[in-house]
Amino acid sequence: MSYLARVDVMLKPGISDPQGQTIERALPVLGYAGVREVRVGKRIELQIEAASHDEARSKVEEMCERLLANPVIESYEVSIG
């Protein structure tokens, strides 16, 4: 079967986020007050062939640990559809 996997990757709390900080500084200049703690992440979508939903999740989690995320400084969330 083919599954659509979505992986959301974010920097872990306490890790500096320069992109988020830049956006946070720019928003008030554009008239958007009251925005705090902006964090920037990434979403990865992929089609994966697997025998079951659980196998698909396991494969994608392994991909995250090995390539798609840096588990030292990033957390990730996998959803399989």
PDB file of N, CA and C in Angstrom:
ATOM      1  N   MET A   1       0.831  -1.181   0.000  1.00  0.00           N
ATOM      2  CA  MET A   1       0.000   0.000   0.000  1.00  0.00           C
ATOM      3  C   MET A   1       0.877   1.247   0.000  1.00  0.00           C
ATOM      4  N   SER A   2       0.292   2.328  -0.472  1.00  0.00           N
ATOM      5  CA  SER A   2       0.985   3.602  -0.493  1.00  0.00           C
ATOM      6  C   SER A   2       0.383   4.516   0.573  1.00  0.00           C
ATOM      7  N   TYR A   3       1.236   5.172   1.333  1.00  0.00           N
ATOM      8  CA  TYR A   3       0.804   6.065   2.403  1.00  0.00           C
ATOM      9  C   TYR A   3       1.418   7.446   2.181  1.00  0.00           C
ATOM     10  N   LEU A   4       0.683   8.467   2.564  1.00  0.00           N
ATOM     11  CA  LEU A   4       1.211   9.824   2.577  1.00  0.00           C
ATOM     12  C   LEU A   4       1.716  10.101   3.985  1.00  0.00           C
ATOM     13  N   ALA A   5       2.992  10.418   4.073  1.00  0.00           N
ATOM     14  CA  ALA A   5       3.589  10.729   5.372  1.00  0.00           C
ATOM     15  C   ALA A   5       3.895  12.222   5.426  1.00  0.00           C
ATOM     16  N   ARG A   6       3.595  12.812   6.557  1.00  0.00           N
ATOM     17  CA  ARG A   6       3.934  14.208   6.813  1.00  0.00           C
ATOM     18  C   ARG A   6       4.828  14.252   8.047  1.00  0.00           C
ATOM     19  N   VAL A   7       5.918  14.970   7.921  1.00  0.00           N
ATOM     20  CA  VAL A   7       6.854  15.119   9.026  1.00  0.00           C
ATOM     21  C   VAL A   7       7.008  16.609   9.302  1.00  0.00           C
ATOM     22  N   ASP A   8       6.666  17.039  10.506  1.00  0.00           N
ATOM     23  CA  ASP A   8       6.871  18.416  10.935  1.00  0.00           C
ATOM     24  C   ASP A   8       8.093  18.445  11.837  1.00  0.00           C
ATOM     25  N   VAL A   9       9.066  19.263  11.468  1.00  0.00           N
ATOM     26  CA  VAL A   9      10.333  19.349  12.190  1.00  0.00           C
ATOM     27  C   VAL A   9      10.465  20.752  12.782  1.00  0.00           C
ATOM     28  N   MET A  10      10.766  20.816  14.061  1.00  0.00           N
ATOM     29  CA  MET A  10      10.956  22.097  14.757  1.00  0.00           C
ATOM     30  C   MET A  10      12.215  22.028  15.615  1.00  0.00           C
ATOM     31  N   LEU A  11      12.844  23.181  15.801  1.00  0.00           N
ATOM     32  CA  LEU A  11      13.953  23.239  16.743  1.00  0.00           C
ATOM     33  C   LEU A  11      13.425  22.982  18.152  1.00  0.00           C
ATOM     34  N   LYS A  12      14.195  22.294  18.950  1.00  0.00           N
ATOM     35  CA  LYS A  12      13.791  22.018  20.331  1.00  0.00           C
ATOM     36  C   LYS A  12      13.787  23.315  21.137  1.00  0.00           C
ATOM     37  N   PRO A  13      12.970  23.357  22.193  1.00  0.00           N
ATOM     38  CA  PRO A  13      12.981  24.535  23.072  1.00  0.00           C
ATOM     39  C   PRO A  13      14.393  24.795  23.590  1.00  0.00           C
ATOM     40  N   GLY A  14      14.759  26.069  23.649  1.00  0.00           N
ATOM     41  CA  GLY A  14      16.075  26.445  24.133  1.00  0.00           C
ATOM     42  C   GLY A  14      17.123  26.558  23.040  1.00  0.00           C
ATOM     43  N   ILE A  15      16.816  26.055  21.846  1.00  0.00           N
ATOM     44  CA  ILE A  15      17.743  26.171  20.721  1.00  0.00           C
ATOM     45  C   ILE A  15      17.442  27.484  20.001  1.00  0.00           C
ATOM     46  N   SER A  16      18.458  28.287  19.771  1.00  0.00           N
ATOM     47  CA  SER A  16      18.293  29.578  19.106  1.00  0.00           C
ATOM     48  C   SER A  16      17.676  29.394  17.714  1.00  0.00           C
ATOM     49  N   ASP A  17      16.712  30.255  17.377  1.00  0.00           N
ATOM     50  CA  ASP A  17      16.028  30.201  16.089  1.00  0.00           C
ATOM     51  C   ASP A  17      16.181  31.552  15.388  1.00  0.00           C
ATOM     52  N   PRO A  18      17.271  31.768  14.652  1.00  0.00           N
ATOM     53  CA  PRO A  18      17.519  33.056  14.013  1.00  0.00           C
ATOM     54  C   PRO A  18      16.407  33.469  13.043  1.00  0.00           C
ATOM     55  N   GLN A  19      15.849  32.526  12.290  1.00  0.00           N
ATOM     56  CA  GLN A  19      14.758  32.871  11.373  1.00  0.00           C
ATOM     57  C   GLN A  19      13.536  33.351  12.150  1.00  0.00           C
ATOM     58  N   GLY A  20      13.210  32.663  13.202  1.00  0.00           N
ATOM     59  CA  GLY A  20      12.080  33.059  14.034  1.00  0.00           C
ATOM     60  C   GLY A  20      12.296  34.435  14.643  1.00  0.00           C
ATOM     61  N   GLN A  21      13.519  34.701  15.100  1.00  0.00           N
ATOM     62  CA  GLN A  21      13.835  36.000  15.693  1.00  0.00           C
ATOM     63  C   GLN A  21      13.710  37.124  14.666  1.00  0.00           C
ATOM     64  N   THR A  22      14.158  36.883  13.441  1.00  0.00           N
ATOM     65  CA  THR A  22      14.049  37.885  12.381  1.00  0.00           C
ATOM     66  C   THR A  22      12.589  38.198  12.082  1.00  0.00           C
ATOM     67  N   ILE A  23      11.767  37.163  11.984  1.00  0.00           N
ATOM     68  CA  ILE A  23      10.339  37.367  11.738  1.00  0.00           C
ATOM     69  C   ILE A  23       9.695  38.111  12.901  1.00  0.00           C
ATOM     70  N   GLU A  24      10.063  37.726  14.112  1.00  0.00           N
ATOM     71  CA  GLU A  24       9.495  38.370  15.299  1.00  0.00           C
ATOM     72  C   GLU A  24       9.816  39.865  15.336  1.00  0.00           C
ATOM     73  N   ARG A  25      11.023  40.239  14.923  1.00  0.00           N
ATOM     74  CA  ARG A  25      11.392  41.659  14.879  1.00  0.00           C
ATOM     75  C   ARG A  25      10.689  42.397  13.743  1.00  0.00           C
ATOM     76  N   ALA A  26      10.427  41.723  12.632  1.00  0.00           N
ATOM     77  CA  ALA A  26       9.840  42.375  11.464  1.00  0.00           C
ATOM     78  C   ALA A  26       8.332  42.586  11.589  1.00  0.00           C
ATOM     79  N   LEU A  27       7.634  41.713  12.268  1.00  0.00           N
ATOM     80  CA  LEU A  27       6.177  41.811  12.341  1.00  0.00           C
ATOM     81  C   LEU A  27       5.673  43.121  12.939  1.00  0.00           C
ATOM     82  N   PRO A  28       6.230  43.612  14.048  1.00  0.00           N
ATOM     83  CA  PRO A  28       5.760  44.906  14.576  1.00  0.00           C
ATOM     84  C   PRO A  28       5.967  46.060  13.588  1.00  0.00           C
ATOM     85  N   VAL A  29       7.058  46.007  12.832  1.00  0.00           N
ATOM     86  CA  VAL A  29       7.316  47.045  11.832  1.00  0.00           C
ATOM     87  C   VAL A  29       6.200  47.055  10.779  1.00  0.00           C
ATOM     88  N   LEU A  30       5.637  45.898  10.503  1.00  0.00           N
ATOM     89  CA  LEU A  30       4.551  45.774   9.527  1.00  0.00           C
ATOM     90  C   LEU A  30       3.181  46.009  10.147  1.00  0.00           C
ATOM     91  N   GLY A  31       3.158  46.357  11.435  1.00  0.00           N
ATOM     92  CA  GLY A  31       1.897  46.674  12.096  1.00  0.00           C
ATOM     93  C   GLY A  31       1.261  45.528  12.859  1.00  0.00           C
ATOM     94  N   TYR A  32       1.981  44.436  13.055  1.00  0.00           N
ATOM     95  CA  TYR A  32       1.452  43.276  13.785  1.00  0.00           C
ATOM     96  C   TYR A  32       2.070  43.235  15.181  1.00  0.00           C
ATOM     97  N   ALA A  33       1.406  43.880  16.119  1.00  0.00           N
ATOM     98  CA  ALA A  33       1.917  43.937  17.494  1.00  0.00           C
ATOM     99  C   ALA A  33       1.462  42.708  18.277  1.00  0.00           C
ATOM    100  N   GLY A  34       2.153  42.431  19.365  1.00  0.00           N
ATOM    101  CA  GLY A  34       1.732  41.378  20.277  1.00  0.00           C
ATOM    102  C   GLY A  34       2.116  39.969  19.855  1.00  0.00           C
ATOM    103  N   VAL A  35       3.046  39.833  18.933  1.00  0.00           N
ATOM    104  CA  VAL A  35       3.490  38.506  18.499  1.00  0.00           C
ATOM    105  C   VAL A  35       4.788  38.192  19.223  1.00  0.00           C
ATOM    106  N   ARG A  36       4.851  36.995  19.832  1.00  0.00           N
ATOM    107  CA  ARG A  36       6.035  36.599  20.601  1.00  0.00           C
ATOM    108  C   ARG A  36       6.414  35.163  20.276  1.00  0.00           C
ATOM    109  N   GLU A  37       7.633  34.834  20.598  1.00  0.00           N
ATOM    110  CA  GLU A  37       8.144  33.464  20.538  1.00  0.00           C
ATOM    111  C   GLU A  37       7.898  32.804  19.190  1.00  0.00           C
ATOM    112  N   VAL A  38       8.290  33.476  18.119  1.00  0.00           N
ATOM    113  CA  VAL A  38       8.137  32.941  16.769  1.00  0.00           C
ATOM    114  C   VAL A  38       9.182  31.856  16.556  1.00  0.00           C
ATOM    115  N   ARG A  39       8.758  30.709  16.085  1.00  0.00           N
ATOM    116  CA  ARG A  39       9.646  29.595  15.769  1.00  0.00           C
ATOM    117  C   ARG A  39       9.383  29.175  14.326  1.00  0.00           C
ATOM    118  N   VAL A  40      10.414  28.881  13.589  1.00  0.00           N
ATOM    119  CA  VAL A  40      10.296  28.458  12.200  1.00  0.00           C
ATOM    120  C   VAL A  40      10.694  26.997  12.105  1.00  0.00           C
ATOM    121  N   GLY A  41       9.906  26.229  11.385  1.00  0.00           N
ATOM    122  CA  GLY A  41      10.196  24.808  11.190  1.00  0.00           C
ATOM    123  C   GLY A  41      10.058  24.453   9.729  1.00  0.00           C
ATOM    124  N   LYS A  42       9.939  23.159   9.476  1.00  0.00           N
ATOM    125  CA  LYS A  42       9.764  22.697   8.102  1.00  0.00           C
ATOM    126  C   LYS A  42       8.814  21.504   8.087  1.00  0.00           C
ATOM    127  N   ARG A  43       8.131  21.335   6.962  1.00  0.00           N
ATOM    128  CA  ARG A  43       7.271  20.178   6.768  1.00  0.00           C
ATOM    129  C   ARG A  43       7.797  19.408   5.564  1.00  0.00           C
ATOM    130  N   ILE A  44       7.900  18.110   5.738  1.00  0.00           N
ATOM    131  CA  ILE A  44       8.333  17.215   4.669  1.00  0.00           C
ATOM    132  C   ILE A  44       7.175  16.266   4.396  1.00  0.00           C
ATOM    133  N   GLU A  45       6.763  16.158   3.141  1.00  0.00           N
ATOM    134  CA  GLU A  45       5.712  15.217   2.752  1.00  0.00           C
ATOM    135  C   GLU A  45       6.310  14.207   1.791  1.00  0.00           C
ATOM    136  N   LEU A  46       5.960  12.941   1.983  1.00  0.00           N
ATOM    137  CA  LEU A  46       6.450  11.909   1.079  1.00  0.00           C
ATOM    138  C   LEU A  46       5.467  10.758   0.983  1.00  0.00           C
ATOM    139  N   GLN A  47       5.436  10.135  -0.185  1.00  0.00           N
ATOM    140  CA  GLN A  47       4.659   8.907  -0.397  1.00  0.00           C
ATOM    141  C   GLN A  47       5.582   7.740  -0.087  1.00  0.00           C
ATOM    142  N   ILE A  48       5.073   6.793   0.648  1.00  0.00           N
ATOM    143  CA  ILE A  48       5.901   5.643   1.022  1.00  0.00           C
ATOM    144  C   ILE A  48       5.107   4.360   0.835  1.00  0.00           C
ATOM    145  N   GLU A  49       5.755   3.368   0.285  1.00  0.00           N
ATOM    146  CA  GLU A  49       5.158   2.048   0.129  1.00  0.00           C
ATOM    147  C   GLU A  49       5.470   1.221   1.374  1.00  0.00           C
ATOM    148  N   ALA A  50       4.434   0.640   1.954  1.00  0.00           N
ATOM    149  CA  ALA A  50       4.615  -0.195   3.145  1.00  0.00           C
ATOM    150  C   ALA A  50       3.455  -1.173   3.238  1.00  0.00           C
ATOM    151  N   ALA A  51       3.662  -2.261   3.937  1.00  0.00           N
ATOM    152  CA  ALA A  51       2.633  -3.289   4.090  1.00  0.00           C
ATOM    153  C   ALA A  51       1.517  -2.859   5.040  1.00  0.00           C
ATOM    154  N   SER A  52       1.829  -1.939   5.964  1.00  0.00           N
ATOM    155  CA  SER A  52       0.829  -1.512   6.933  1.00  0.00           C
ATOM    156  C   SER A  52       1.113  -0.079   7.387  1.00  0.00           C
ATOM    157  N   HIS A  53       0.129   0.488   8.055  1.00  0.00           N
ATOM    158  CA  HIS A  53       0.267   1.832   8.628  1.00  0.00           C
ATOM    159  C   HIS A  53       1.442   1.860   9.607  1.00  0.00           C
ATOM    160  N   ASP A  54       1.537   0.853  10.465  1.00  0.00           N
ATOM    161  CA  ASP A  54       2.612   0.793  11.461  1.00  0.00           C
ATOM    162  C   ASP A  54       3.986   0.688  10.813  1.00  0.00           C
ATOM    163  N   GLU A  55       4.077  -0.101   9.742  1.00  0.00           N
ATOM    164  CA  GLU A  55       5.354  -0.229   9.036  1.00  0.00           C
ATOM    165  C   GLU A  55       5.742   1.102   8.391  1.00  0.00           C
ATOM    166  N   ALA A  56       4.773   1.792   7.807  1.00  0.00           N
ATOM    167  CA  ALA A  56       5.040   3.095   7.197  1.00  0.00           C
ATOM    168  C   ALA A  56       5.568   4.063   8.251  1.00  0.00           C
ATOM    169  N   ARG A  57       4.892   4.132   9.415  1.00  0.00           N
ATOM    170  CA  ARG A  57       5.335   5.024  10.489  1.00  0.00           C
ATOM    171  C   ARG A  57       6.748   4.669  10.933  1.00  0.00           C
ATOM    172  N   SER A  58       7.023   3.398  11.107  1.00  0.00           N
ATOM    173  CA  SER A  58       8.338   2.961  11.551  1.00  0.00           C
ATOM    174  C   SER A  58       9.425   3.377  10.554  1.00  0.00           C
ATOM    175  N   LYS A  59       9.155   3.192   9.261  1.00  0.00           N
ATOM    176  CA  LYS A  59      10.129   3.583   8.242  1.00  0.00           C
ATOM    177  C   LYS A  59      10.386   5.086   8.265  1.00  0.00           C
ATOM    178  N   VAL A  60       9.315   5.866   8.367  1.00  0.00           N
ATOM    179  CA  VAL A  60       9.468   7.323   8.355  1.00  0.00           C
ATOM    180  C   VAL A  60      10.194   7.796   9.610  1.00  0.00           C
ATOM    181  N   GLU A  61       9.892   7.214  10.754  1.00  0.00           N
ATOM    182  CA  GLU A  61      10.602   7.587  11.979  1.00  0.00           C
ATOM    183  C   GLU A  61      12.093   7.273  11.864  1.00  0.00           C
ATOM    184  N   GLU A  62      12.417   6.156  11.227  1.00  0.00           N
ATOM    185  CA  GLU A  62      13.826   5.820  11.016  1.00  0.00           C
ATOM    186  C   GLU A  62      14.477   6.848  10.084  1.00  0.00           C
ATOM    187  N   MET A  63      13.762   7.264   9.035  1.00  0.00           N
ATOM    188  CA  MET A  63      14.272   8.293   8.128  1.00  0.00           C
ATOM    189  C   MET A  63      14.545   9.596   8.883  1.00  0.00           C
ATOM    190  N   CYS A  64      13.653   9.932   9.800  1.00  0.00           N
ATOM    191  CA  CYS A  64      13.825  11.152  10.597  1.00  0.00           C
ATOM    192  C   CYS A  64      15.093  11.080  11.437  1.00  0.00           C
ATOM    193  N   GLU A  65      15.292   9.961  12.082  1.00  0.00           N
ATOM    194  CA  GLU A  65      16.459   9.796  12.949  1.00  0.00           C
ATOM    195  C   GLU A  65      17.767   9.816  12.154  1.00  0.00           C
ATOM    196  N   ARG A  66      17.712   9.343  10.907  1.00  0.00           N
ATOM    197  CA  ARG A  66      18.932   9.210  10.117  1.00  0.00           C
ATOM    198  C   ARG A  66      19.203  10.382   9.181  1.00  0.00           C
ATOM    199  N   LEU A  67      18.134  11.107   8.745  1.00  0.00           N
ATOM    200  CA  LEU A  67      18.355  12.123   7.721  1.00  0.00           C
ATOM    201  C   LEU A  67      17.449  13.349   7.821  1.00  0.00           C
ATOM    202  N   LEU A  68      16.160  13.147   8.013  1.00  0.00           N
ATOM    203  CA  LEU A  68      15.198  14.238   7.868  1.00  0.00           C
ATOM    204  C   LEU A  68      15.244  15.253   9.001  1.00  0.00           C
ATOM    205  N   ALA A  69      15.711  14.851  10.161  1.00  0.00           N
ATOM    206  CA  ALA A  69      15.808  15.758  11.314  1.00  0.00           C
ATOM    207  C   ALA A  69      17.131  15.503  12.022  1.00  0.00           C
ATOM    208  N   ASN A  70      17.555  16.492  12.749  1.00  0.00           N
ATOM    209  CA  ASN A  70      18.733  16.339  13.602  1.00  0.00           C
ATOM    210  C   ASN A  70      18.223  16.168  15.026  1.00  0.00           C
ATOM    211  N   PRO A  71      18.127  14.933  15.513  1.00  0.00           N
ATOM    212  CA  PRO A  71      17.506  14.692  16.816  1.00  0.00           C
ATOM    213  C   PRO A  71      18.215  15.352  17.998  1.00  0.00           C
ATOM    214  N   VAL A  72      19.420  15.846  17.801  1.00  0.00           N
ATOM    215  CA  VAL A  72      20.120  16.541  18.878  1.00  0.00           C
ATOM    216  C   VAL A  72      19.473  17.899  19.135  1.00  0.00           C
ATOM    217  N   ILE A  73      19.081  18.606  18.065  1.00  0.00           N
ATOM    218  CA  ILE A  73      18.542  19.958  18.220  1.00  0.00           C
ATOM    219  C   ILE A  73      17.120  20.122  17.705  1.00  0.00           C
ATOM    220  N   GLU A  74      16.572  19.093  17.055  1.00  0.00           N
ATOM    221  CA  GLU A  74      15.235  19.200  16.483  1.00  0.00           C
ATOM    222  C   GLU A  74      14.331  18.091  17.002  1.00  0.00           C
ATOM    223  N   SER A  75      13.055  18.411  17.114  1.00  0.00           N
ATOM    224  CA  SER A  75      12.042  17.393  17.389  1.00  0.00           C
ATOM    225  C   SER A  75      11.214  17.242  16.123  1.00  0.00           C
ATOM    226  N   TYR A  76      10.536  16.120  16.004  1.00  0.00           N
ATOM    227  CA  TYR A  76       9.713  15.904  14.818  1.00  0.00           C
ATOM    228  C   TYR A  76       8.433  15.183  15.207  1.00  0.00           C
ATOM    229  N   GLU A  77       7.439  15.376  14.367  1.00  0.00           N
ATOM    230  CA  GLU A  77       6.151  14.710  14.558  1.00  0.00           C
ATOM    231  C   GLU A  77       5.772  14.087  13.214  1.00  0.00           C
ATOM    232  N   VAL A  78       5.434  12.811  13.243  1.00  0.00           N
ATOM    233  CA  VAL A  78       5.077  12.082  12.029  1.00  0.00           C
ATOM    234  C   VAL A  78       3.585  11.808  12.017  1.00  0.00           C
ATOM    235  N   SER A  79       2.968  12.064  10.866  1.00  0.00           N
ATOM    236  CA  SER A  79       1.570  11.652  10.685  1.00  0.00           C
ATOM    237  C   SER A  79       1.498  10.863   9.381  1.00  0.00           C
ATOM    238  N   ILE A  80       0.769   9.780   9.416  1.00  0.00           N
ATOM    239  CA  ILE A  80       0.609   8.893   8.275  1.00  0.00           C
ATOM    240  C   ILE A  80      -0.840   8.900   7.852  1.00  0.00           C
ATOM    241  N   GLY A  81      -1.099   9.143   6.584  1.00  0.00           N
ATOM    242  CA  GLY A  81      -2.478   9.155   6.089  1.00  0.00           C
ATOM    243  C   GLY A  81      -2.682   8.201   4.956  1.00  0.00           C
TER     244      GLY A  81
END
